[in-house]
Amino acid sequence: MAEPIKLHANSARPVPAPGGIAARAMGARAGNLPYLHELNPEQREAVETLDGPVLVLAGAGTGKTRVLTTRIAHILNLGKARPQEILSVTFTNKAAREMKERVGKMVGQIVEGMPWMGTFHSIGVKILRRHAEMVGLKSNFTILDVDDQIRLIKQLLEVEKLDEKRWPARVFAMILDGWKNRGLTPEQVPAGGSGELRQRQGQETICRVSGAAEDAECRRFRRSSS
C-alpha cells in the first residue's frame, strides 16, 4: 500500500493555470475581477445584482451590451451557472458575434460551450430541431429562403392551374405568412380567410398550396430545381 503524501505547513499549494476555470474562481473569491473596474457605478450594480431579474433601461451608446456581456462573464466566474445554462438572445448575427467575442475575452474558451448564445432565429431553429416531433416536424426539416419560397409557390400555382396574374406568388406568400403569424395550419384557416381563392378552388387546394413547405413538397422542389 502506497504511503500517504505528507504535506508540511510550509508546503506551497498548487498554482492554477493562468486563465483557467480554477484561476478565475479563485480570483472571483478574492475580489480580483478587473472587468468590474471598467464599469461605472450603475453598470456595476446591474452586473453584480445576481438574484432575481434585472431591467436595464438606457439610451444608445451607453453600455448596455457591456453590461449584458459582463454580467454573463460574472455569473460564469462566480460559478452561479454553467455555460450551457445561460440563454443570451439578440437580433442580428453581428450582435451575436460581438457578444460572444466580448464574453470570450473575459472568460476564455469556456464561451465555446455556450450553445444558447445567438439570434432569435438561430436559437429558435435549434429548439425546433431538438423538439421537432412536438410540432409535427422532423428534425431534419428544411428552411427555404424567400427566393426559394417564391419559386416553389409559382410551381404549385401552375400545378393548381391558378391565374398567376390574379394571384402573384409574392401576394400568395404574404397571405401564407399572415396565416403562419396567427399560428394557423392549412386546415385551420377560417372560412373567407383566403377570399375568392377559397370560394373558387375550395379547401383542398388551399391546403395543398399552403402546406407546400412540408417535407414531401420540399423534396419535390429540390428535385425539380436540381
Protein backbone atom coordinates (compact mmCIF):
# COMPACT_ATOMS: atom_id res chain seq x y z
CA MET A 1 0.00 0.00 0.00
CA ALA A 2 1.42 3.38 -1.01
CA GLU A 3 2.44 5.77 1.70
CA PRO A 4 0.11 8.77 2.05
CA ILE A 5 1.53 12.06 0.85
CA LYS A 6 2.56 14.24 3.76
CA LEU A 7 2.08 17.98 3.43
CA HIS A 8 4.13 20.26 5.64
CA ALA A 9 2.82 23.56 6.87
CA ASN A 10 5.25 25.43 4.65
CA SER A 11 4.44 23.38 1.54
CA ALA A 12 3.36 25.53 -1.40
CA ARG A 13 -0.15 24.98 -2.73
CA PRO A 14 -0.55 24.09 -6.42
CA VAL A 15 -0.90 27.20 -8.54
CA PRO A 16 -3.81 27.02 -11.03
CA ALA A 17 -3.07 27.63 -14.68
CA PRO A 18 -3.49 31.29 -15.64
CA GLY A 19 -6.83 31.94 -17.29
CA GLY A 20 -8.25 28.56 -16.31
CA ILE A 21 -11.54 27.96 -14.53
CA ALA A 22 -9.81 27.39 -11.17
CA ALA A 23 -7.80 30.60 -11.52
CA ARG A 24 -10.89 32.62 -12.37
CA ALA A 25 -12.85 31.13 -9.48
CA MET A 26 -10.06 31.94 -7.02
CA GLY A 27 -9.79 35.44 -8.42
CA ALA A 28 -13.52 35.98 -8.09
CA ARG A 29 -13.49 34.90 -4.46
CA ALA A 30 -10.63 37.28 -3.79
CA GLY A 31 -12.43 40.15 -5.48
CA ASN A 32 -9.81 40.27 -8.23
CA LEU A 33 -12.13 40.92 -11.16
CA PRO A 34 -10.59 43.51 -13.47
CA TYR A 35 -13.63 43.71 -15.74
CA LEU A 36 -15.64 45.22 -12.86
CA HIS A 37 -13.25 48.14 -12.60
CA GLU A 38 -14.14 49.20 -16.16
CA LEU A 39 -17.79 49.81 -15.24
CA ASN A 40 -19.42 52.93 -13.86
CA PRO A 41 -21.40 52.57 -10.59
CA GLU A 42 -24.76 51.99 -12.30
CA GLN A 43 -23.34 49.40 -14.69
CA ARG A 44 -21.54 47.61 -11.89
CA GLU A 45 -24.72 47.46 -9.80
CA ALA A 46 -26.54 45.79 -12.71
CA VAL A 47 -23.68 43.29 -13.22
CA GLU A 48 -23.36 42.37 -9.54
CA THR A 49 -27.12 42.01 -8.91
CA LEU A 50 -27.45 38.27 -9.48
CA ASP A 51 -30.57 37.36 -7.50
CA GLY A 52 -33.77 37.91 -9.46
CA PRO A 53 -34.40 39.73 -12.74
CA VAL A 54 -32.66 42.95 -13.73
CA LEU A 55 -34.09 45.51 -16.17
CA VAL A 56 -31.58 47.89 -17.78
CA LEU A 57 -33.08 50.99 -19.39
CA ALA A 58 -30.55 53.13 -21.23
CA GLY A 59 -30.09 55.03 -24.45
CA ALA A 60 -27.92 54.20 -27.44
CA GLY A 61 -24.20 54.01 -26.79
CA THR A 62 -24.48 53.94 -23.01
CA GLY A 63 -23.02 50.46 -22.48
CA LYS A 64 -25.98 48.09 -22.46
CA THR A 65 -24.06 45.40 -24.34
CA ARG A 66 -21.13 45.82 -21.98
CA VAL A 67 -23.43 45.31 -19.00
CA LEU A 68 -25.02 42.23 -20.56
CA THR A 69 -21.76 40.55 -21.56
CA THR A 70 -20.02 41.44 -18.29
CA ARG A 71 -22.96 40.09 -16.30
CA ILE A 72 -22.71 36.80 -18.20
CA ALA A 73 -18.97 36.61 -17.52
CA HIS A 74 -19.55 37.46 -13.86
CA ILE A 75 -22.14 34.71 -13.46
CA LEU A 76 -19.74 32.20 -15.02
CA ASN A 77 -16.75 33.35 -12.99
CA LEU A 78 -18.68 33.04 -9.74
CA GLY A 79 -19.95 29.59 -10.69
CA LYS A 80 -23.58 30.70 -10.46
CA ALA A 81 -24.33 28.85 -13.70
CA ARG A 82 -22.65 26.58 -16.22
CA PRO A 83 -22.09 27.82 -19.79
CA GLN A 84 -24.85 25.63 -21.22
CA GLU A 85 -27.34 27.01 -18.69
CA ILE A 86 -27.20 30.61 -19.93
CA LEU A 87 -29.60 31.88 -22.61
CA SER A 88 -28.43 35.07 -24.34
CA VAL A 89 -30.52 36.28 -27.26
CA THR A 90 -30.05 39.16 -29.69
CA PHE A 91 -31.43 40.24 -33.06
CA THR A 92 -28.58 40.10 -35.59
CA ASN A 93 -25.70 37.76 -36.35
CA LYS A 94 -23.30 40.69 -35.99
CA ALA A 95 -24.55 41.42 -32.46
CA ALA A 96 -24.37 37.73 -31.55
CA ARG A 97 -20.75 37.51 -32.73
CA GLU A 98 -19.89 40.67 -30.79
CA MET A 99 -21.43 39.27 -27.61
CA LYS A 100 -19.50 36.03 -27.97
CA GLU A 101 -16.22 37.88 -28.58
CA ARG A 102 -16.72 40.13 -25.56
CA VAL A 103 -17.62 37.29 -23.23
CA GLY A 104 -14.72 35.25 -24.61
CA LYS A 105 -12.23 37.99 -23.73
CA MET A 106 -13.38 37.80 -20.11
CA VAL A 107 -13.82 34.06 -19.60
CA GLY A 108 -11.67 32.46 -22.31
CA GLN A 109 -12.53 29.34 -24.30
CA ILE A 110 -15.39 28.49 -21.98
CA VAL A 111 -17.54 30.67 -24.25
CA GLU A 112 -17.36 27.90 -26.87
CA GLY A 113 -19.52 25.79 -24.54
CA MET A 114 -22.44 28.25 -24.67
CA PRO A 115 -24.91 26.79 -27.19
CA TRP A 116 -27.70 29.19 -26.24
CA MET A 117 -25.98 32.43 -27.23
CA GLY A 118 -27.22 33.69 -30.59
CA THR A 119 -30.05 35.29 -32.52
CA PHE A 120 -33.77 34.67 -32.02
CA HIS A 121 -33.83 32.76 -35.31
CA SER A 122 -30.78 30.55 -34.69
CA ILE A 123 -31.86 29.63 -31.18
CA GLY A 124 -35.45 29.10 -32.30
CA VAL A 125 -34.30 26.70 -35.03
CA LYS A 126 -32.10 24.84 -32.54
CA ILE A 127 -35.05 24.38 -30.18
CA LEU A 128 -37.31 23.26 -33.04
CA ARG A 129 -34.81 20.66 -34.22
CA ARG A 130 -34.46 19.26 -30.70
CA HIS A 131 -38.23 19.04 -30.19
CA ALA A 132 -39.46 18.78 -33.79
CA GLU A 133 -41.89 15.96 -33.07
CA MET A 134 -43.84 18.18 -30.66
CA VAL A 135 -44.91 20.46 -33.54
CA GLY A 136 -45.35 17.78 -36.17
CA LEU A 137 -41.96 18.22 -37.85
CA LYS A 138 -38.91 16.07 -38.46
CA SER A 139 -35.59 17.20 -37.00
CA ASN A 140 -34.06 17.48 -40.49
CA PHE A 141 -36.68 19.94 -41.75
CA THR A 142 -35.59 22.43 -44.42
CA ILE A 143 -35.87 26.20 -44.17
CA LEU A 144 -36.46 27.89 -47.52
CA ASP A 145 -35.28 31.44 -48.11
CA VAL A 146 -37.57 33.99 -49.76
CA ASP A 147 -36.46 33.26 -53.33
CA ASP A 148 -36.90 29.51 -52.84
CA GLN A 149 -40.38 30.10 -51.39
CA ILE A 150 -41.45 32.20 -54.37
CA ARG A 151 -40.16 29.62 -56.88
CA LEU A 152 -41.95 26.83 -55.03
CA ILE A 153 -45.24 28.75 -54.85
CA LYS A 154 -45.04 29.53 -58.60
CA GLN A 155 -44.66 25.82 -59.35
CA LEU A 156 -47.62 24.95 -57.13
CA LEU A 157 -49.84 27.68 -58.59
CA GLU A 158 -49.07 26.30 -62.03
CA VAL A 159 -49.93 22.76 -60.92
CA GLU A 160 -53.22 24.01 -59.43
CA LYS A 161 -53.94 26.00 -62.63
CA LEU A 162 -54.35 29.26 -60.74
CA ASP A 163 -54.01 32.53 -62.65
CA GLU A 164 -50.62 33.92 -61.63
CA LYS A 165 -51.60 37.40 -62.81
CA ARG A 166 -54.57 37.38 -60.45
CA TRP A 167 -52.66 35.60 -57.69
CA PRO A 168 -48.96 36.53 -57.95
CA ALA A 169 -46.64 34.25 -56.00
CA ARG A 170 -45.47 37.11 -53.77
CA VAL A 171 -49.05 38.01 -52.86
CA PHE A 172 -49.76 34.38 -52.04
CA ALA A 173 -46.59 34.29 -49.94
CA MET A 174 -47.87 37.28 -47.94
CA ILE A 175 -51.18 35.50 -47.36
CA LEU A 176 -49.39 32.38 -46.15
CA ASP A 177 -47.14 34.47 -43.91
CA GLY A 178 -50.18 36.08 -42.32
CA TRP A 179 -51.68 32.68 -41.55
CA LYS A 180 -48.39 31.45 -40.06
CA ASN A 181 -48.09 34.55 -37.88
CA ARG A 182 -51.53 33.72 -36.48
CA GLY A 183 -50.40 30.17 -35.74
CA LEU A 184 -52.83 28.61 -38.24
CA THR A 185 -52.28 25.32 -40.00
CA PRO A 186 -53.79 24.95 -43.51
CA GLU A 187 -56.82 23.13 -42.11
CA GLN A 188 -57.42 25.88 -39.54
CA VAL A 189 -57.72 28.77 -41.98
CA PRO A 190 -61.20 30.23 -41.31
CA ALA A 191 -63.89 30.45 -43.97
CA GLY A 192 -63.19 33.51 -46.07
CA GLY A 193 -59.62 33.60 -44.84
CA SER A 194 -58.41 33.30 -48.40
CA GLY A 195 -61.16 35.35 -50.03
CA GLU A 196 -62.20 34.48 -53.54
CA LEU A 197 -59.45 31.90 -53.85
CA ARG A 198 -61.06 29.72 -51.20
CA GLN A 199 -64.50 30.10 -52.78
CA ARG A 200 -63.30 29.19 -56.26
CA GLN A 201 -60.83 26.43 -55.51
CA GLY A 202 -62.01 25.02 -52.21
CA GLN A 203 -60.22 23.96 -49.07
CA GLU A 204 -58.34 21.10 -50.69
CA THR A 205 -56.41 23.46 -52.98
CA ILE A 206 -55.63 25.85 -50.13
CA CYS A 207 -54.27 23.01 -48.01
CA ARG A 208 -52.10 21.74 -50.82
CA VAL A 209 -50.62 25.14 -51.62
CA SER A 210 -50.22 26.43 -48.08
CA GLY A 211 -48.76 23.11 -46.94
CA ALA A 212 -46.10 23.23 -49.66
CA ALA A 213 -43.22 23.77 -47.25
CA GLU A 214 -43.69 20.36 -45.66
CA ASP A 215 -41.00 17.73 -46.19
CA ALA A 216 -42.58 15.98 -49.17
CA GLU A 217 -43.04 19.23 -51.06
CA CYS A 218 -39.52 20.41 -50.21
CA ARG A 219 -38.10 17.17 -51.53
CA ARG A 220 -40.07 17.56 -54.75
CA PHE A 221 -38.92 21.17 -55.05
CA ARG A 222 -35.28 20.23 -54.56
CA ARG A 223 -35.52 17.52 -57.23
CA SER A 224 -37.17 19.82 -59.77
CA SER A 225 -34.63 22.60 -59.10
CA SER A 226 -31.56 20.40 -59.46
